N, C-alpha and C. Protein backbone atom coordinates (compact mmCIF):
# COMPACT_ATOMS: atom_id res chain seq x y z
N MET A 1 20.33 -50.25 11.27
CA MET A 1 20.28 -49.38 12.42
C MET A 1 20.80 -48.00 12.04
N LYS A 2 20.12 -46.94 12.52
CA LYS A 2 20.51 -45.57 12.20
C LYS A 2 21.72 -45.16 13.02
N SER A 3 22.50 -44.28 12.45
CA SER A 3 23.66 -43.74 13.15
C SER A 3 23.20 -42.85 14.28
N SER A 4 23.89 -42.89 15.38
CA SER A 4 23.52 -42.06 16.52
C SER A 4 24.03 -40.64 16.39
N ARG A 5 24.84 -40.39 15.38
CA ARG A 5 25.33 -39.02 15.15
C ARG A 5 24.23 -38.16 14.55
N ALA A 6 24.10 -36.98 15.08
CA ALA A 6 23.08 -36.06 14.57
C ALA A 6 23.49 -35.56 13.19
N GLN A 7 22.52 -35.52 12.30
CA GLN A 7 22.75 -35.00 10.95
C GLN A 7 22.58 -33.48 10.97
N PRO A 8 23.41 -32.74 10.25
CA PRO A 8 23.24 -31.28 10.22
C PRO A 8 21.92 -30.92 9.54
N ARG A 9 21.28 -29.89 10.07
CA ARG A 9 20.01 -29.42 9.48
C ARG A 9 20.31 -28.56 8.27
N THR A 10 19.56 -28.79 7.23
CA THR A 10 19.73 -28.00 6.01
C THR A 10 18.47 -27.21 5.68
N ASP A 11 17.50 -27.20 6.59
CA ASP A 11 16.24 -26.53 6.31
C ASP A 11 16.06 -25.23 7.10
N HIS A 12 17.11 -24.66 7.61
CA HIS A 12 16.98 -23.43 8.39
C HIS A 12 17.18 -22.20 7.49
N LEU A 13 16.59 -21.10 7.93
CA LEU A 13 16.69 -19.85 7.19
C LEU A 13 17.81 -19.01 7.77
N THR A 14 18.61 -18.47 6.90
CA THR A 14 19.67 -17.58 7.36
C THR A 14 19.22 -16.14 7.17
N ASP A 15 19.91 -15.22 7.82
CA ASP A 15 19.62 -13.80 7.63
C ASP A 15 19.79 -13.40 6.18
N THR A 16 20.76 -13.96 5.52
CA THR A 16 21.01 -13.64 4.10
C THR A 16 19.83 -14.06 3.24
N ILE A 17 19.32 -15.25 3.47
CA ILE A 17 18.16 -15.73 2.70
C ILE A 17 16.97 -14.81 2.94
N LEU A 18 16.74 -14.43 4.18
CA LEU A 18 15.61 -13.55 4.50
C LEU A 18 15.78 -12.18 3.85
N ARG A 19 16.97 -11.63 3.91
CA ARG A 19 17.21 -10.31 3.28
C ARG A 19 17.00 -10.38 1.77
N GLU A 20 17.42 -11.45 1.16
CA GLU A 20 17.26 -11.59 -0.29
C GLU A 20 15.80 -11.78 -0.68
N ALA A 21 15.03 -12.44 0.18
CA ALA A 21 13.63 -12.71 -0.13
C ALA A 21 12.71 -11.53 0.19
N ALA A 22 13.14 -10.63 1.04
CA ALA A 22 12.28 -9.54 1.50
C ALA A 22 11.73 -8.65 0.39
N PRO A 23 12.53 -8.18 -0.58
CA PRO A 23 11.96 -7.31 -1.62
C PRO A 23 10.85 -7.99 -2.42
N GLU A 24 11.06 -9.26 -2.76
CA GLU A 24 10.04 -9.97 -3.52
C GLU A 24 8.77 -10.16 -2.69
N ALA A 25 8.93 -10.46 -1.41
CA ALA A 25 7.78 -10.63 -0.53
C ALA A 25 7.01 -9.31 -0.37
N LYS A 26 7.74 -8.21 -0.22
CA LYS A 26 7.09 -6.90 -0.10
C LYS A 26 6.32 -6.56 -1.36
N ALA A 27 6.90 -6.85 -2.52
CA ALA A 27 6.23 -6.57 -3.79
C ALA A 27 4.96 -7.41 -3.93
N GLU A 28 5.02 -8.66 -3.49
CA GLU A 28 3.85 -9.52 -3.56
C GLU A 28 2.75 -9.03 -2.63
N ILE A 29 3.11 -8.63 -1.44
CA ILE A 29 2.12 -8.09 -0.48
C ILE A 29 1.51 -6.82 -1.04
N ARG A 30 2.33 -5.96 -1.62
CA ARG A 30 1.83 -4.71 -2.22
C ARG A 30 0.81 -5.01 -3.31
N GLN A 31 1.15 -5.96 -4.18
CA GLN A 31 0.25 -6.32 -5.27
C GLN A 31 -1.08 -6.87 -4.72
N GLN A 32 -1.00 -7.69 -3.70
CA GLN A 32 -2.22 -8.23 -3.08
C GLN A 32 -3.06 -7.10 -2.48
N ASN A 33 -2.41 -6.14 -1.84
CA ASN A 33 -3.14 -5.00 -1.27
C ASN A 33 -3.79 -4.17 -2.36
N LEU A 34 -3.10 -3.96 -3.47
CA LEU A 34 -3.69 -3.20 -4.58
C LEU A 34 -4.92 -3.92 -5.13
N GLU A 35 -4.86 -5.24 -5.19
CA GLU A 35 -5.99 -6.01 -5.71
C GLU A 35 -7.20 -5.97 -4.78
N LYS A 36 -7.00 -5.62 -3.53
CA LYS A 36 -8.10 -5.54 -2.56
C LYS A 36 -8.87 -4.23 -2.67
N LEU A 37 -8.33 -3.25 -3.39
CA LEU A 37 -8.98 -1.94 -3.50
C LEU A 37 -10.22 -2.03 -4.37
N THR A 38 -11.26 -1.32 -3.96
CA THR A 38 -12.47 -1.20 -4.78
C THR A 38 -12.16 -0.28 -5.96
N ASP A 39 -13.10 -0.18 -6.89
CA ASP A 39 -12.91 0.71 -8.04
C ASP A 39 -12.70 2.16 -7.60
N ASP A 40 -13.50 2.62 -6.63
CA ASP A 40 -13.35 3.99 -6.14
C ASP A 40 -12.00 4.19 -5.46
N GLN A 41 -11.59 3.23 -4.65
CA GLN A 41 -10.30 3.31 -3.98
C GLN A 41 -9.17 3.30 -5.00
N GLN A 42 -9.33 2.49 -6.03
CA GLN A 42 -8.32 2.43 -7.10
C GLN A 42 -8.22 3.78 -7.80
N ALA A 43 -9.34 4.44 -8.02
CA ALA A 43 -9.33 5.77 -8.65
C ALA A 43 -8.58 6.77 -7.79
N VAL A 44 -8.83 6.75 -6.48
CA VAL A 44 -8.13 7.65 -5.56
C VAL A 44 -6.63 7.37 -5.59
N TYR A 45 -6.27 6.10 -5.54
CA TYR A 45 -4.86 5.70 -5.55
C TYR A 45 -4.16 6.16 -6.83
N GLU A 46 -4.81 5.98 -7.97
CA GLU A 46 -4.21 6.40 -9.25
C GLU A 46 -4.00 7.92 -9.29
N ILE A 47 -4.93 8.68 -8.75
CA ILE A 47 -4.77 10.14 -8.71
C ILE A 47 -3.56 10.51 -7.86
N ILE A 48 -3.41 9.84 -6.73
CA ILE A 48 -2.25 10.11 -5.86
C ILE A 48 -0.96 9.78 -6.60
N ARG A 49 -0.94 8.67 -7.33
CA ARG A 49 0.27 8.29 -8.08
C ARG A 49 0.59 9.34 -9.16
N GLU A 50 -0.44 9.87 -9.79
CA GLU A 50 -0.26 10.84 -10.88
C GLU A 50 0.13 12.23 -10.36
N HIS A 51 -0.32 12.57 -9.16
CA HIS A 51 -0.11 13.91 -8.59
C HIS A 51 0.58 13.77 -7.25
N ASP A 52 1.84 13.46 -7.26
CA ASP A 52 2.60 13.25 -6.03
C ASP A 52 2.51 14.47 -5.12
N GLY A 53 2.12 14.25 -3.88
CA GLY A 53 1.99 15.35 -2.94
C GLY A 53 0.68 16.08 -3.06
N VAL A 54 -0.37 15.38 -3.48
CA VAL A 54 -1.68 16.01 -3.68
C VAL A 54 -2.37 16.26 -2.33
N ARG A 55 -3.00 17.40 -2.25
CA ARG A 55 -3.72 17.78 -1.03
C ARG A 55 -5.16 17.26 -1.10
N PRO A 56 -5.80 17.08 0.05
CA PRO A 56 -7.13 16.47 0.08
C PRO A 56 -8.17 17.15 -0.80
N ASP A 57 -8.23 18.49 -0.81
CA ASP A 57 -9.22 19.18 -1.64
C ASP A 57 -9.01 18.91 -3.12
N ALA A 58 -7.76 18.99 -3.57
CA ALA A 58 -7.46 18.73 -4.98
C ALA A 58 -7.69 17.26 -5.31
N LEU A 59 -7.39 16.39 -4.37
CA LEU A 59 -7.61 14.96 -4.57
C LEU A 59 -9.10 14.68 -4.74
N TYR A 60 -9.92 15.24 -3.88
CA TYR A 60 -11.36 15.00 -3.97
C TYR A 60 -11.93 15.58 -5.27
N GLU A 61 -11.46 16.74 -5.65
CA GLU A 61 -11.93 17.34 -6.91
C GLU A 61 -11.58 16.45 -8.11
N ALA A 62 -10.35 15.97 -8.16
CA ALA A 62 -9.93 15.09 -9.25
C ALA A 62 -10.70 13.77 -9.22
N TYR A 63 -10.95 13.27 -8.03
CA TYR A 63 -11.73 12.03 -7.88
C TYR A 63 -13.14 12.22 -8.43
N CYS A 64 -13.79 13.33 -8.09
CA CYS A 64 -15.15 13.60 -8.56
C CYS A 64 -15.21 13.71 -10.08
N GLU A 65 -14.15 14.24 -10.68
CA GLU A 65 -14.10 14.34 -12.14
C GLU A 65 -13.86 12.98 -12.80
N ARG A 66 -13.23 12.08 -12.09
CA ARG A 66 -12.82 10.80 -12.68
C ARG A 66 -13.91 9.74 -12.63
N VAL A 67 -14.71 9.72 -11.57
CA VAL A 67 -15.71 8.65 -11.42
C VAL A 67 -17.10 9.16 -11.74
N VAL A 68 -17.99 8.23 -12.11
CA VAL A 68 -19.35 8.59 -12.49
C VAL A 68 -20.18 8.99 -11.28
N GLU A 69 -20.10 8.22 -10.21
CA GLU A 69 -20.87 8.49 -9.00
C GLU A 69 -19.92 8.60 -7.81
N PRO A 70 -19.33 9.78 -7.61
CA PRO A 70 -18.35 9.93 -6.52
C PRO A 70 -19.00 9.76 -5.14
N GLN A 71 -18.23 9.21 -4.25
CA GLN A 71 -18.66 9.06 -2.87
C GLN A 71 -18.33 10.34 -2.11
N THR A 72 -18.72 10.40 -0.84
CA THR A 72 -18.53 11.61 -0.04
C THR A 72 -17.06 11.80 0.33
N ARG A 73 -16.74 13.02 0.76
CA ARG A 73 -15.38 13.30 1.24
C ARG A 73 -15.01 12.38 2.41
N ARG A 74 -15.97 12.15 3.29
CA ARG A 74 -15.71 11.29 4.45
C ARG A 74 -15.35 9.87 4.00
N THR A 75 -16.05 9.38 3.01
CA THR A 75 -15.75 8.05 2.49
C THR A 75 -14.37 8.02 1.86
N MET A 76 -14.02 9.10 1.14
CA MET A 76 -12.69 9.17 0.56
C MET A 76 -11.62 9.18 1.66
N THR A 77 -11.89 9.87 2.76
CA THR A 77 -10.96 9.87 3.89
C THR A 77 -10.79 8.46 4.44
N ASN A 78 -11.88 7.72 4.51
CA ASN A 78 -11.79 6.32 4.95
C ASN A 78 -10.94 5.50 3.98
N HIS A 79 -11.12 5.74 2.69
CA HIS A 79 -10.30 5.05 1.68
C HIS A 79 -8.81 5.36 1.90
N LEU A 80 -8.51 6.61 2.18
CA LEU A 80 -7.12 7.01 2.40
C LEU A 80 -6.54 6.33 3.63
N GLN A 81 -7.33 6.22 4.68
CA GLN A 81 -6.87 5.53 5.89
C GLN A 81 -6.55 4.07 5.58
N LYS A 82 -7.41 3.43 4.80
CA LYS A 82 -7.18 2.04 4.42
C LYS A 82 -5.89 1.91 3.62
N MET A 83 -5.68 2.82 2.68
CA MET A 83 -4.47 2.77 1.85
C MET A 83 -3.21 3.03 2.68
N ARG A 84 -3.34 3.85 3.71
CA ARG A 84 -2.20 4.06 4.62
C ARG A 84 -1.91 2.79 5.42
N ARG A 85 -2.95 2.12 5.90
CA ARG A 85 -2.74 0.85 6.62
C ARG A 85 -2.11 -0.20 5.72
N TYR A 86 -2.46 -0.19 4.44
CA TYR A 86 -1.89 -1.13 3.47
C TYR A 86 -0.50 -0.71 2.99
N ASN A 87 -0.01 0.43 3.49
CA ASN A 87 1.29 0.98 3.07
C ASN A 87 1.36 1.26 1.58
N LEU A 88 0.25 1.75 1.03
CA LEU A 88 0.22 2.13 -0.37
C LEU A 88 0.43 3.63 -0.53
N VAL A 89 0.00 4.40 0.47
CA VAL A 89 0.19 5.85 0.45
C VAL A 89 0.69 6.30 1.82
N GLU A 90 1.28 7.48 1.83
CA GLU A 90 1.68 8.09 3.10
C GLU A 90 1.18 9.52 3.09
N ALA A 91 0.95 10.03 4.29
CA ALA A 91 0.47 11.40 4.45
C ALA A 91 1.54 12.21 5.16
N GLU A 92 1.72 13.43 4.68
CA GLU A 92 2.65 14.36 5.31
C GLU A 92 1.90 15.63 5.65
N GLY A 93 2.16 16.18 6.82
CA GLY A 93 1.51 17.41 7.24
C GLY A 93 0.19 17.14 7.93
N ARG A 94 -0.45 18.25 8.32
CA ARG A 94 -1.73 18.16 9.03
C ARG A 94 -2.71 19.16 8.45
N GLY A 95 -3.97 18.84 8.65
CA GLY A 95 -5.02 19.76 8.24
C GLY A 95 -4.95 20.10 6.76
N THR A 96 -5.07 21.41 6.45
CA THR A 96 -5.07 21.82 5.06
C THR A 96 -3.69 21.69 4.41
N ALA A 97 -2.66 21.51 5.23
CA ALA A 97 -1.30 21.34 4.69
C ALA A 97 -0.96 19.87 4.41
N ARG A 98 -1.87 18.97 4.72
CA ARG A 98 -1.63 17.53 4.50
C ARG A 98 -1.52 17.25 3.00
N ALA A 99 -0.61 16.35 2.67
CA ALA A 99 -0.43 15.93 1.27
C ALA A 99 -0.22 14.42 1.25
N TYR A 100 -0.72 13.79 0.21
CA TYR A 100 -0.63 12.34 0.06
C TYR A 100 0.32 11.97 -1.07
N ARG A 101 1.12 10.94 -0.82
CA ARG A 101 2.07 10.43 -1.80
C ARG A 101 1.95 8.93 -1.86
N ALA A 102 2.16 8.38 -3.04
CA ALA A 102 2.21 6.93 -3.19
C ALA A 102 3.55 6.43 -2.62
N VAL A 103 3.51 5.31 -1.96
CA VAL A 103 4.72 4.73 -1.36
C VAL A 103 5.42 3.87 -2.40
């Protein structure tokens, strides 16, 4: 017959465990997001990493020099939006003063 006393649970997560696991989880999510990028998106991301604070015009120019068949500026803007949603890049400023940085 089983004891009627409740056994303490040992399978719960503490705040400490979660805090310790967070950096590794973030790094894994980041890596998965990087792997989701197409070749063109990867080229844009690498340019941003190499030129911290790059403006859209300079970014597009560097992108066109790097790839064989560059896509349109609008498509590059869509790529940038995707990378922002994935928390791979951040944008500062507006309009012609906007600059992109790798996170």
